[in-house]
């Protein structure tokens, strides 16, 4: 993975903006979660300040990755379209103070630095965007279950053996 390092505080203060594209194959942690390394992610990063004057980064990541369906075990394309706001703190203690001031759970506080790796940030954002258990909406090549079959499966799953029935079997009463 090619590193893209910025001074996060200067980037925010100068309200700089950068954008680009990175191959999934160049993101090792995302590649590990993917069915294959095809595809690319487009990203854009905008520096600025929040309404309280804290240094802020706005990150947008979109693209497609191939994930393995946990139901049918075939790969499928999953579209990532993620935007996040990150408030920069000088250290962990400062991050906790800022986090306590914020009323918005959608905004994350991270520790900024003069050697802030943007590629790690992009990869983190993509990893957070993919589901823990990826599945097709409707798996291909699997027969669609009828309402009767679904009801029968649900009824069977709903049946639980009584703990007393187990005791009856132990005592020889069936």
N, C-alpha and C. Protein backbone atom coordinates (compact mmCIF):
# COMPACT_ATOMS: atom_id res chain seq x y z
N UNK A 1 0.86 -1.18 0.00
CA UNK A 1 0.00 0.00 0.00
C UNK A 1 0.90 1.23 0.00
N UNK A 2 0.59 2.12 -0.90
CA UNK A 2 1.35 3.36 -1.00
C UNK A 2 0.81 4.34 0.06
N UNK A 3 1.71 4.81 0.91
CA UNK A 3 1.30 5.71 1.98
C UNK A 3 1.05 7.11 1.43
N UNK A 4 0.05 7.75 1.98
CA UNK A 4 -0.24 9.15 1.69
C UNK A 4 -0.31 9.83 3.05
N UNK A 5 0.75 10.53 3.42
CA UNK A 5 0.89 11.09 4.75
C UNK A 5 0.72 12.60 4.69
N UNK A 6 -0.07 13.12 5.64
CA UNK A 6 -0.29 14.56 5.72
C UNK A 6 -0.06 15.03 7.15
N UNK A 7 0.17 16.32 7.32
CA UNK A 7 0.09 16.96 8.63
C UNK A 7 -1.39 17.30 8.78
N UNK A 8 -2.09 16.52 9.57
CA UNK A 8 -3.55 16.62 9.65
C UNK A 8 -4.02 18.01 10.10
N UNK A 9 -3.31 18.61 11.04
CA UNK A 9 -3.74 19.92 11.55
C UNK A 9 -3.52 21.02 10.52
N UNK A 10 -2.41 20.99 9.81
CA UNK A 10 -2.15 21.97 8.75
C UNK A 10 -3.14 21.78 7.60
N UNK A 11 -3.40 20.54 7.25
CA UNK A 11 -4.35 20.21 6.19
C UNK A 11 -5.72 20.81 6.51
N UNK A 12 -6.14 20.67 7.77
CA UNK A 12 -7.44 21.22 8.20
C UNK A 12 -7.41 22.74 8.25
N UNK A 13 -6.35 23.30 8.81
CA UNK A 13 -6.26 24.76 8.95
C UNK A 13 -6.29 25.44 7.59
N UNK A 14 -5.61 24.85 6.61
CA UNK A 14 -5.57 25.43 5.27
C UNK A 14 -6.76 25.01 4.40
N UNK A 15 -7.66 24.24 4.98
CA UNK A 15 -8.86 23.75 4.28
C UNK A 15 -8.50 23.10 2.95
N UNK A 16 -7.46 22.28 2.99
CA UNK A 16 -7.02 21.59 1.79
C UNK A 16 -8.02 20.51 1.39
N UNK A 17 -7.92 20.09 0.15
CA UNK A 17 -8.78 19.02 -0.36
C UNK A 17 -7.95 18.13 -1.26
N UNK A 18 -8.12 16.84 -1.12
CA UNK A 18 -7.46 15.86 -1.99
C UNK A 18 -8.46 14.78 -2.32
N UNK A 19 -8.26 14.16 -3.46
CA UNK A 19 -9.10 13.04 -3.85
C UNK A 19 -8.28 12.10 -4.72
N UNK A 20 -8.77 10.89 -4.86
CA UNK A 20 -8.06 9.93 -5.67
C UNK A 20 -8.79 8.61 -5.72
N UNK A 21 -8.08 7.61 -6.18
CA UNK A 21 -8.61 6.27 -6.30
C UNK A 21 -7.54 5.29 -5.84
N UNK A 22 -7.95 4.23 -5.18
CA UNK A 22 -7.01 3.22 -4.72
C UNK A 22 -7.59 1.84 -4.99
N UNK A 23 -6.75 0.93 -5.45
CA UNK A 23 -7.19 -0.43 -5.73
C UNK A 23 -7.43 -1.18 -4.43
N UNK A 24 -8.44 -2.04 -4.43
CA UNK A 24 -8.71 -2.89 -3.27
C UNK A 24 -7.47 -3.74 -2.97
N UNK A 25 -6.78 -4.18 -4.00
CA UNK A 25 -5.57 -4.98 -3.84
C UNK A 25 -4.49 -4.26 -3.05
N UNK A 26 -4.52 -2.92 -3.03
CA UNK A 26 -3.52 -2.14 -2.30
C UNK A 26 -3.90 -1.88 -0.85
N UNK A 27 -5.02 -2.42 -0.42
CA UNK A 27 -5.49 -2.27 0.96
C UNK A 27 -5.50 -3.66 1.60
N UNK A 28 -4.45 -4.03 2.33
CA UNK A 28 -4.30 -5.41 2.81
C UNK A 28 -5.42 -5.91 3.73
N UNK A 29 -5.88 -5.09 4.65
CA UNK A 29 -6.94 -5.55 5.56
C UNK A 29 -8.26 -5.70 4.83
N UNK A 30 -8.57 -4.81 3.91
CA UNK A 30 -9.79 -4.91 3.12
C UNK A 30 -9.70 -6.11 2.17
N UNK A 31 -8.54 -6.33 1.58
CA UNK A 31 -8.34 -7.48 0.69
C UNK A 31 -8.60 -8.79 1.43
N UNK A 32 -8.20 -8.84 2.69
CA UNK A 32 -8.40 -10.04 3.50
C UNK A 32 -9.89 -10.33 3.72
N UNK A 33 -10.70 -9.30 3.80
CA UNK A 33 -12.14 -9.45 4.02
C UNK A 33 -12.91 -9.67 2.71
N UNK A 34 -12.25 -9.45 1.59
CA UNK A 34 -12.91 -9.53 0.28
C UNK A 34 -12.77 -10.92 -0.32
N UNK A 35 -13.73 -11.26 -1.21
CA UNK A 35 -13.69 -12.54 -1.92
C UNK A 35 -12.54 -12.55 -2.92
N UNK A 36 -12.22 -11.39 -3.49
CA UNK A 36 -11.07 -11.24 -4.37
C UNK A 36 -10.64 -9.77 -4.32
N UNK A 37 -9.57 -9.46 -4.98
CA UNK A 37 -9.02 -8.11 -4.86
C UNK A 37 -9.38 -7.22 -6.05
N UNK A 38 -10.42 -7.58 -6.77
CA UNK A 38 -10.87 -6.74 -7.89
C UNK A 38 -11.53 -5.48 -7.35
N UNK A 39 -11.50 -4.43 -8.14
CA UNK A 39 -12.21 -3.20 -7.79
C UNK A 39 -11.30 -2.12 -7.24
N UNK A 40 -11.89 -0.96 -7.11
CA UNK A 40 -11.18 0.21 -6.60
C UNK A 40 -12.13 1.06 -5.78
N UNK A 41 -11.55 1.86 -4.93
CA UNK A 41 -12.33 2.80 -4.12
C UNK A 41 -11.92 4.22 -4.51
N UNK A 42 -12.91 5.06 -4.69
CA UNK A 42 -12.68 6.48 -4.91
C UNK A 42 -12.83 7.18 -3.57
N UNK A 43 -12.01 8.16 -3.31
CA UNK A 43 -12.06 8.84 -2.03
C UNK A 43 -11.82 10.34 -2.22
N UNK A 44 -12.31 11.08 -1.24
CA UNK A 44 -12.01 12.51 -1.21
C UNK A 44 -11.91 12.92 0.26
N UNK A 45 -10.96 13.80 0.53
CA UNK A 45 -10.70 14.27 1.89
C UNK A 45 -10.68 15.79 1.88
N UNK A 46 -11.46 16.38 2.77
CA UNK A 46 -11.58 17.84 2.87
C UNK A 46 -11.24 18.26 4.29
N UNK A 47 -10.33 19.21 4.43
CA UNK A 47 -9.98 19.75 5.74
C UNK A 47 -10.83 20.96 6.07
N UNK A 48 -10.93 21.26 7.33
CA UNK A 48 -11.70 22.42 7.77
C UNK A 48 -11.80 22.45 9.29
N UNK A 49 -12.77 23.21 9.78
CA UNK A 49 -13.03 23.31 11.22
C UNK A 49 -14.50 23.09 11.49
N UNK A 50 -14.82 22.54 12.66
CA UNK A 50 -16.22 22.37 13.02
C UNK A 50 -16.74 23.67 13.63
N UNK A 51 -18.00 23.68 14.04
CA UNK A 51 -18.61 24.91 14.56
C UNK A 51 -17.99 25.39 15.87
N UNK A 52 -17.27 24.49 16.57
CA UNK A 52 -16.59 24.87 17.82
C UNK A 52 -15.13 25.24 17.59
N UNK A 53 -14.69 25.21 16.32
CA UNK A 53 -13.33 25.59 15.98
C UNK A 53 -12.31 24.46 16.00
N UNK A 54 -12.76 23.23 16.21
CA UNK A 54 -11.84 22.09 16.20
C UNK A 54 -11.47 21.72 14.77
N UNK A 55 -10.22 21.31 14.59
CA UNK A 55 -9.78 20.82 13.27
C UNK A 55 -10.63 19.61 12.89
N UNK A 56 -11.03 19.56 11.63
CA UNK A 56 -11.95 18.52 11.18
C UNK A 56 -11.55 18.01 9.79
N UNK A 57 -11.78 16.73 9.57
CA UNK A 57 -11.60 16.13 8.25
C UNK A 57 -12.93 15.52 7.82
N UNK A 58 -13.30 15.75 6.56
CA UNK A 58 -14.49 15.10 5.98
C UNK A 58 -13.98 14.11 4.96
N UNK A 59 -14.33 12.85 5.16
CA UNK A 59 -13.86 11.78 4.28
C UNK A 59 -15.04 11.14 3.57
N UNK A 60 -14.90 10.96 2.27
CA UNK A 60 -15.90 10.28 1.46
C UNK A 60 -15.21 9.12 0.75
N UNK A 61 -15.80 7.93 0.86
CA UNK A 61 -15.24 6.73 0.21
C UNK A 61 -16.38 6.03 -0.51
N UNK A 62 -16.18 5.73 -1.81
CA UNK A 62 -17.18 4.94 -2.53
C UNK A 62 -16.50 4.06 -3.56
N UNK A 63 -17.19 2.99 -3.87
CA UNK A 63 -16.67 2.02 -4.82
C UNK A 63 -17.32 0.68 -4.56
N UNK A 64 -16.77 -0.35 -5.15
CA UNK A 64 -17.36 -1.68 -5.03
C UNK A 64 -16.28 -2.68 -4.64
N UNK A 65 -16.64 -3.57 -3.72
CA UNK A 65 -15.75 -4.66 -3.32
C UNK A 65 -16.51 -5.97 -3.48
N UNK A 66 -15.77 -7.03 -3.72
CA UNK A 66 -16.37 -8.36 -3.85
C UNK A 66 -16.34 -9.03 -2.48
N UNK A 67 -17.52 -9.36 -1.94
CA UNK A 67 -17.61 -10.05 -0.66
C UNK A 67 -18.16 -11.46 -0.88
N UNK A 68 -17.93 -12.34 0.08
CA UNK A 68 -18.43 -13.70 0.01
C UNK A 68 -19.76 -13.77 0.77
N UNK A 69 -20.81 -14.21 0.06
CA UNK A 69 -22.12 -14.36 0.69
C UNK A 69 -22.03 -15.48 1.73
N UNK A 70 -22.47 -15.20 2.93
CA UNK A 70 -22.42 -16.17 4.02
C UNK A 70 -23.52 -17.23 3.91
N UNK A 71 -24.49 -17.00 3.04
CA UNK A 71 -25.58 -17.96 2.85
C UNK A 71 -25.24 -19.00 1.79
N UNK A 72 -24.84 -18.53 0.60
CA UNK A 72 -24.63 -19.44 -0.53
C UNK A 72 -23.15 -19.62 -0.89
N UNK A 73 -22.28 -18.89 -0.20
CA UNK A 73 -20.83 -18.98 -0.40
C UNK A 73 -20.38 -18.67 -1.83
N UNK A 74 -21.04 -17.69 -2.44
CA UNK A 74 -20.60 -17.19 -3.74
C UNK A 74 -20.29 -15.70 -3.61
N UNK A 75 -19.34 -15.20 -4.39
CA UNK A 75 -19.00 -13.78 -4.30
C UNK A 75 -20.09 -12.89 -4.89
N UNK A 76 -20.19 -11.70 -4.36
CA UNK A 76 -21.11 -10.70 -4.91
C UNK A 76 -20.52 -9.31 -4.70
N UNK A 77 -20.93 -8.38 -5.55
CA UNK A 77 -20.44 -7.00 -5.47
C UNK A 77 -21.19 -6.26 -4.38
N UNK A 78 -20.45 -5.62 -3.50
CA UNK A 78 -21.05 -4.80 -2.45
C UNK A 78 -20.59 -3.36 -2.67
N UNK A 79 -21.55 -2.46 -2.78
CA UNK A 79 -21.24 -1.05 -3.02
C UNK A 79 -21.01 -0.32 -1.71
N UNK A 80 -19.89 0.37 -1.64
CA UNK A 80 -19.55 1.21 -0.49
C UNK A 80 -19.82 2.65 -0.87
N UNK A 81 -20.58 3.33 -0.05
CA UNK A 81 -20.84 4.76 -0.23
C UNK A 81 -20.89 5.36 1.17
N UNK A 82 -19.75 5.82 1.63
CA UNK A 82 -19.62 6.23 3.02
C UNK A 82 -19.04 7.63 3.14
N UNK A 83 -19.59 8.38 4.06
CA UNK A 83 -19.07 9.70 4.38
C UNK A 83 -18.94 9.81 5.89
N UNK A 84 -17.86 10.43 6.33
CA UNK A 84 -17.70 10.61 7.78
C UNK A 84 -17.01 11.94 8.08
N UNK A 85 -17.29 12.43 9.28
CA UNK A 85 -16.64 13.63 9.79
C UNK A 85 -15.79 13.20 10.96
N UNK A 86 -14.55 13.66 10.95
CA UNK A 86 -13.61 13.31 12.01
C UNK A 86 -13.06 14.59 12.62
N UNK A 87 -13.21 14.72 13.92
CA UNK A 87 -12.62 15.85 14.65
C UNK A 87 -11.23 15.41 15.09
N UNK A 88 -10.25 16.27 14.90
CA UNK A 88 -8.88 15.95 15.27
C UNK A 88 -8.55 16.44 16.67
N UNK A 89 -7.98 15.55 17.46
CA UNK A 89 -7.53 15.89 18.82
C UNK A 89 -6.01 15.80 18.85
N UNK A 90 -5.41 16.50 19.83
CA UNK A 90 -3.95 16.51 19.94
C UNK A 90 -3.42 15.24 20.61
N UNK A 91 -4.23 14.64 21.50
CA UNK A 91 -3.84 13.40 22.19
C UNK A 91 -5.10 12.70 22.69
N UNK A 92 -4.92 11.55 23.30
CA UNK A 92 -6.07 10.76 23.76
C UNK A 92 -6.90 11.51 24.80
N UNK A 93 -6.25 12.19 25.72
CA UNK A 93 -6.96 12.93 26.77
C UNK A 93 -7.81 14.04 26.14
N UNK A 94 -7.22 14.76 25.18
CA UNK A 94 -7.94 15.81 24.47
C UNK A 94 -9.09 15.23 23.67
N UNK A 95 -8.90 14.03 23.10
CA UNK A 95 -9.96 13.36 22.33
C UNK A 95 -11.16 13.06 23.23
N UNK A 96 -10.90 12.60 24.45
CA UNK A 96 -11.99 12.32 25.39
C UNK A 96 -12.75 13.60 25.76
N UNK A 97 -12.02 14.70 25.96
CA UNK A 97 -12.65 15.98 26.29
C UNK A 97 -13.54 16.46 25.14
N UNK A 98 -13.03 16.39 23.92
CA UNK A 98 -13.80 16.83 22.75
C UNK A 98 -15.03 15.95 22.57
N UNK A 99 -14.84 14.64 22.72
CA UNK A 99 -15.95 13.69 22.55
C UNK A 99 -17.07 13.99 23.55
N UNK A 100 -16.71 14.39 24.76
CA UNK A 100 -17.72 14.72 25.77
C UNK A 100 -18.49 15.99 25.39
N UNK A 101 -17.84 16.94 24.69
CA UNK A 101 -18.49 18.18 24.26
C UNK A 101 -19.46 17.97 23.10
N UNK A 102 -19.16 17.00 22.25
CA UNK A 102 -19.98 16.78 21.06
C UNK A 102 -21.33 16.17 21.42
N UNK A 103 -22.34 16.62 20.73
CA UNK A 103 -23.67 16.08 20.94
C UNK A 103 -24.07 15.15 19.80
N UNK A 104 -23.18 14.97 18.83
CA UNK A 104 -23.49 14.20 17.64
C UNK A 104 -22.70 12.89 17.65
N UNK A 105 -23.41 11.76 17.75
CA UNK A 105 -22.75 10.46 17.75
C UNK A 105 -22.21 10.07 16.38
N UNK A 106 -22.60 10.80 15.35
CA UNK A 106 -22.15 10.51 13.99
C UNK A 106 -20.74 11.03 13.72
N UNK A 107 -20.24 11.88 14.60
CA UNK A 107 -18.91 12.47 14.43
C UNK A 107 -17.94 11.74 15.35
N UNK A 108 -16.83 11.27 14.77
CA UNK A 108 -15.81 10.58 15.55
C UNK A 108 -14.67 11.53 15.85
N UNK A 109 -14.01 11.28 16.97
CA UNK A 109 -12.84 12.05 17.36
C UNK A 109 -11.63 11.13 17.24
N UNK A 110 -10.62 11.57 16.51
CA UNK A 110 -9.39 10.80 16.34
C UNK A 110 -8.20 11.67 16.72
N UNK A 111 -7.12 11.03 17.09
CA UNK A 111 -5.89 11.76 17.40
C UNK A 111 -5.18 12.06 16.09
N UNK A 112 -4.99 13.35 15.81
CA UNK A 112 -4.29 13.78 14.60
C UNK A 112 -2.79 13.82 14.85
N UNK A 113 -2.05 13.96 13.77
CA UNK A 113 -0.59 14.04 13.91
C UNK A 113 0.00 14.73 12.68
N UNK A 114 1.30 14.97 12.73
CA UNK A 114 2.01 15.55 11.58
C UNK A 114 2.30 14.48 10.54
N UNK A 115 2.12 13.21 10.91
CA UNK A 115 2.34 12.08 10.00
C UNK A 115 1.10 11.21 9.97
N UNK A 116 0.01 11.80 9.55
CA UNK A 116 -1.30 11.15 9.53
C UNK A 116 -1.44 10.40 8.20
N UNK A 117 -1.59 9.06 8.26
CA UNK A 117 -1.66 8.24 7.05
C UNK A 117 -3.10 8.18 6.55
N UNK A 118 -3.37 8.84 5.46
CA UNK A 118 -4.72 8.92 4.89
C UNK A 118 -5.17 7.56 4.35
N UNK A 119 -4.25 6.76 3.81
CA UNK A 119 -4.63 5.45 3.26
C UNK A 119 -5.18 4.54 4.36
N UNK A 120 -4.59 4.60 5.55
CA UNK A 120 -5.13 3.83 6.68
C UNK A 120 -6.55 4.30 7.01
N UNK A 121 -6.76 5.60 6.96
CA UNK A 121 -8.07 6.16 7.24
C UNK A 121 -9.10 5.70 6.21
N UNK A 122 -8.72 5.67 4.94
CA UNK A 122 -9.61 5.22 3.87
C UNK A 122 -9.95 3.75 4.06
N UNK A 123 -8.94 2.94 4.38
CA UNK A 123 -9.17 1.51 4.59
C UNK A 123 -10.07 1.28 5.79
N UNK A 124 -9.85 2.02 6.87
CA UNK A 124 -10.72 1.90 8.05
C UNK A 124 -12.17 2.22 7.69
N UNK A 125 -12.37 3.27 6.93
CA UNK A 125 -13.73 3.68 6.54
C UNK A 125 -14.40 2.59 5.71
N UNK A 126 -13.66 2.00 4.78
CA UNK A 126 -14.22 0.92 3.95
C UNK A 126 -14.55 -0.30 4.80
N UNK A 127 -13.68 -0.65 5.72
CA UNK A 127 -13.94 -1.81 6.59
C UNK A 127 -15.17 -1.60 7.47
N UNK A 128 -15.36 -0.37 7.93
CA UNK A 128 -16.54 -0.08 8.75
C UNK A 128 -17.83 -0.09 7.93
N UNK A 129 -17.70 0.11 6.62
CA UNK A 129 -18.89 0.18 5.75
C UNK A 129 -19.40 -1.20 5.34
N UNK A 130 -18.53 -2.21 5.36
CA UNK A 130 -18.99 -3.54 4.92
C UNK A 130 -19.69 -4.26 6.07
N UNK A 131 -20.69 -5.09 5.76
CA UNK A 131 -21.41 -5.79 6.82
C UNK A 131 -20.56 -6.89 7.46
N UNK A 132 -20.85 -7.20 8.72
CA UNK A 132 -20.13 -8.27 9.42
C UNK A 132 -20.43 -9.62 8.80
N UNK A 133 -21.65 -9.79 8.37
CA UNK A 133 -22.07 -11.06 7.77
C UNK A 133 -22.72 -10.75 6.42
N UNK A 134 -21.90 -10.60 5.38
CA UNK A 134 -22.43 -10.21 4.07
C UNK A 134 -23.29 -11.30 3.44
N UNK A 135 -24.41 -10.88 2.84
CA UNK A 135 -25.33 -11.81 2.18
C UNK A 135 -25.97 -11.12 0.98
N UNK A 136 -26.26 -11.93 -0.04
CA UNK A 136 -27.08 -11.45 -1.15
C UNK A 136 -28.46 -11.08 -0.60
N UNK A 137 -29.16 -10.17 -1.25
CA UNK A 137 -30.56 -9.92 -0.91
C UNK A 137 -31.35 -11.19 -1.22
N UNK A 138 -31.10 -11.78 -2.39
CA UNK A 138 -31.66 -13.06 -2.79
C UNK A 138 -30.52 -13.83 -3.45
N UNK A 139 -30.17 -14.97 -2.87
CA UNK A 139 -29.05 -15.74 -3.41
C UNK A 139 -29.41 -16.34 -4.77
N UNK A 140 -28.47 -16.29 -5.71
CA UNK A 140 -28.71 -16.91 -7.02
C UNK A 140 -28.63 -18.43 -6.90
N UNK A 141 -29.32 -19.12 -7.79
CA UNK A 141 -29.27 -20.59 -7.86
C UNK A 141 -29.81 -21.31 -6.64
N UNK A 142 -30.49 -20.60 -5.75
CA UNK A 142 -31.14 -21.27 -4.63
C UNK A 142 -32.63 -21.20 -4.85
N UNK A 143 -33.35 -22.31 -4.64
CA UNK A 143 -34.80 -22.25 -4.83
C UNK A 143 -35.42 -21.31 -3.81
N UNK A 144 -36.37 -20.54 -4.27
CA UNK A 144 -37.07 -19.64 -3.36
C UNK A 144 -37.99 -20.46 -2.48
N UNK A 145 -37.95 -20.23 -1.20
CA UNK A 145 -38.80 -20.97 -0.27
C UNK A 145 -40.22 -20.45 -0.37
N UNK A 146 -41.14 -21.38 -0.37
CA UNK A 146 -42.54 -20.98 -0.39
C UNK A 146 -42.94 -20.54 1.01
N UNK A 147 -44.07 -19.90 1.11
CA UNK A 147 -44.57 -19.44 2.42
C UNK A 147 -44.80 -20.64 3.33
N UNK A 148 -45.30 -21.79 2.77
CA UNK A 148 -45.55 -22.98 3.58
C UNK A 148 -44.24 -23.54 4.13
N UNK A 149 -43.20 -23.59 3.27
CA UNK A 149 -41.91 -24.11 3.70
C UNK A 149 -41.32 -23.22 4.78
N UNK A 150 -41.39 -21.92 4.58
CA UNK A 150 -40.86 -20.97 5.56
C UNK A 150 -41.59 -21.10 6.88
N UNK A 151 -42.91 -21.24 6.83
CA UNK A 151 -43.70 -21.39 8.06
C UNK A 151 -43.34 -22.69 8.77
N UNK A 152 -43.14 -23.78 8.01
CA UNK A 152 -42.79 -25.06 8.61
C UNK A 152 -41.42 -24.98 9.28
N UNK A 153 -40.46 -24.32 8.62
CA UNK A 153 -39.13 -24.17 9.20
C UNK A 153 -39.20 -23.33 10.47
N UNK A 154 -39.96 -22.24 10.42
CA UNK A 154 -40.10 -21.38 11.60
C UNK A 154 -40.76 -22.14 12.75
N UNK A 155 -41.76 -22.97 12.45
CA UNK A 155 -42.44 -23.75 13.49
C UNK A 155 -41.48 -24.76 14.10
N UNK A 156 -40.68 -25.41 13.27
CA UNK A 156 -39.72 -26.41 13.75
C UNK A 156 -38.66 -25.75 14.63
N UNK A 157 -38.18 -24.59 14.20
CA UNK A 157 -37.19 -23.86 14.98
C UNK A 157 -37.79 -23.42 16.32
N UNK A 158 -39.06 -23.07 16.30
CA UNK A 158 -39.74 -22.60 17.50
C UNK A 158 -39.97 -23.69 18.53
N UNK A 159 -39.97 -24.97 18.12
CA UNK A 159 -40.17 -26.08 19.06
C UNK A 159 -38.90 -26.29 19.87
N UNK A 160 -39.08 -26.35 21.17
CA UNK A 160 -37.95 -26.64 22.04
C UNK A 160 -38.33 -27.85 22.88
N UNK A 161 -37.36 -28.70 23.07
CA UNK A 161 -37.62 -29.86 23.92
C UNK A 161 -37.73 -29.39 25.36
N UNK A 162 -38.72 -29.90 26.03
CA UNK A 162 -38.91 -29.56 27.43
C UNK A 162 -37.80 -30.20 28.25
N UNK A 163 -37.25 -29.47 29.21
CA UNK A 163 -36.23 -30.08 30.06
C UNK A 163 -36.80 -31.25 30.86
N UNK A 164 -38.11 -31.22 31.11
CA UNK A 164 -38.75 -32.32 31.84
C UNK A 164 -38.85 -33.57 30.96
N UNK A 165 -38.97 -33.38 29.65
CA UNK A 165 -39.01 -34.52 28.74
C UNK A 165 -37.68 -35.26 28.77
N UNK A 166 -36.61 -34.53 28.90
CA UNK A 166 -35.29 -35.15 29.00
C UNK A 166 -35.19 -35.96 30.29
N UNK A 167 -35.72 -35.40 31.38
CA UNK A 167 -35.70 -36.13 32.66
C UNK A 167 -36.54 -37.41 32.59
N UNK A 168 -37.68 -37.36 31.88
CA UNK A 168 -38.51 -38.54 31.72
C UNK A 168 -37.74 -39.65 31.02
N UNK A 169 -36.97 -39.27 29.99
CA UNK A 169 -36.18 -40.26 29.26
C UNK A 169 -35.12 -40.88 30.15
N UNK A 170 -34.54 -40.09 31.03
CA UNK A 170 -33.50 -40.60 31.94
C UNK A 170 -34.12 -41.61 32.92
N UNK A 171 -35.30 -41.27 33.41
CA UNK A 171 -35.99 -42.15 34.37
C UNK A 171 -36.64 -43.34 33.68
N UNK A 172 -36.65 -43.39 32.39
CA UNK A 172 -37.23 -44.49 31.65
C UNK A 172 -38.71 -44.33 31.41
N UNK A 173 -39.27 -43.17 31.63
CA UNK A 173 -40.70 -42.90 31.37
C UNK A 173 -40.82 -42.18 30.05
N UNK A 174 -41.34 -42.84 29.06
CA UNK A 174 -41.53 -42.16 27.77
C UNK A 174 -42.94 -42.21 27.33
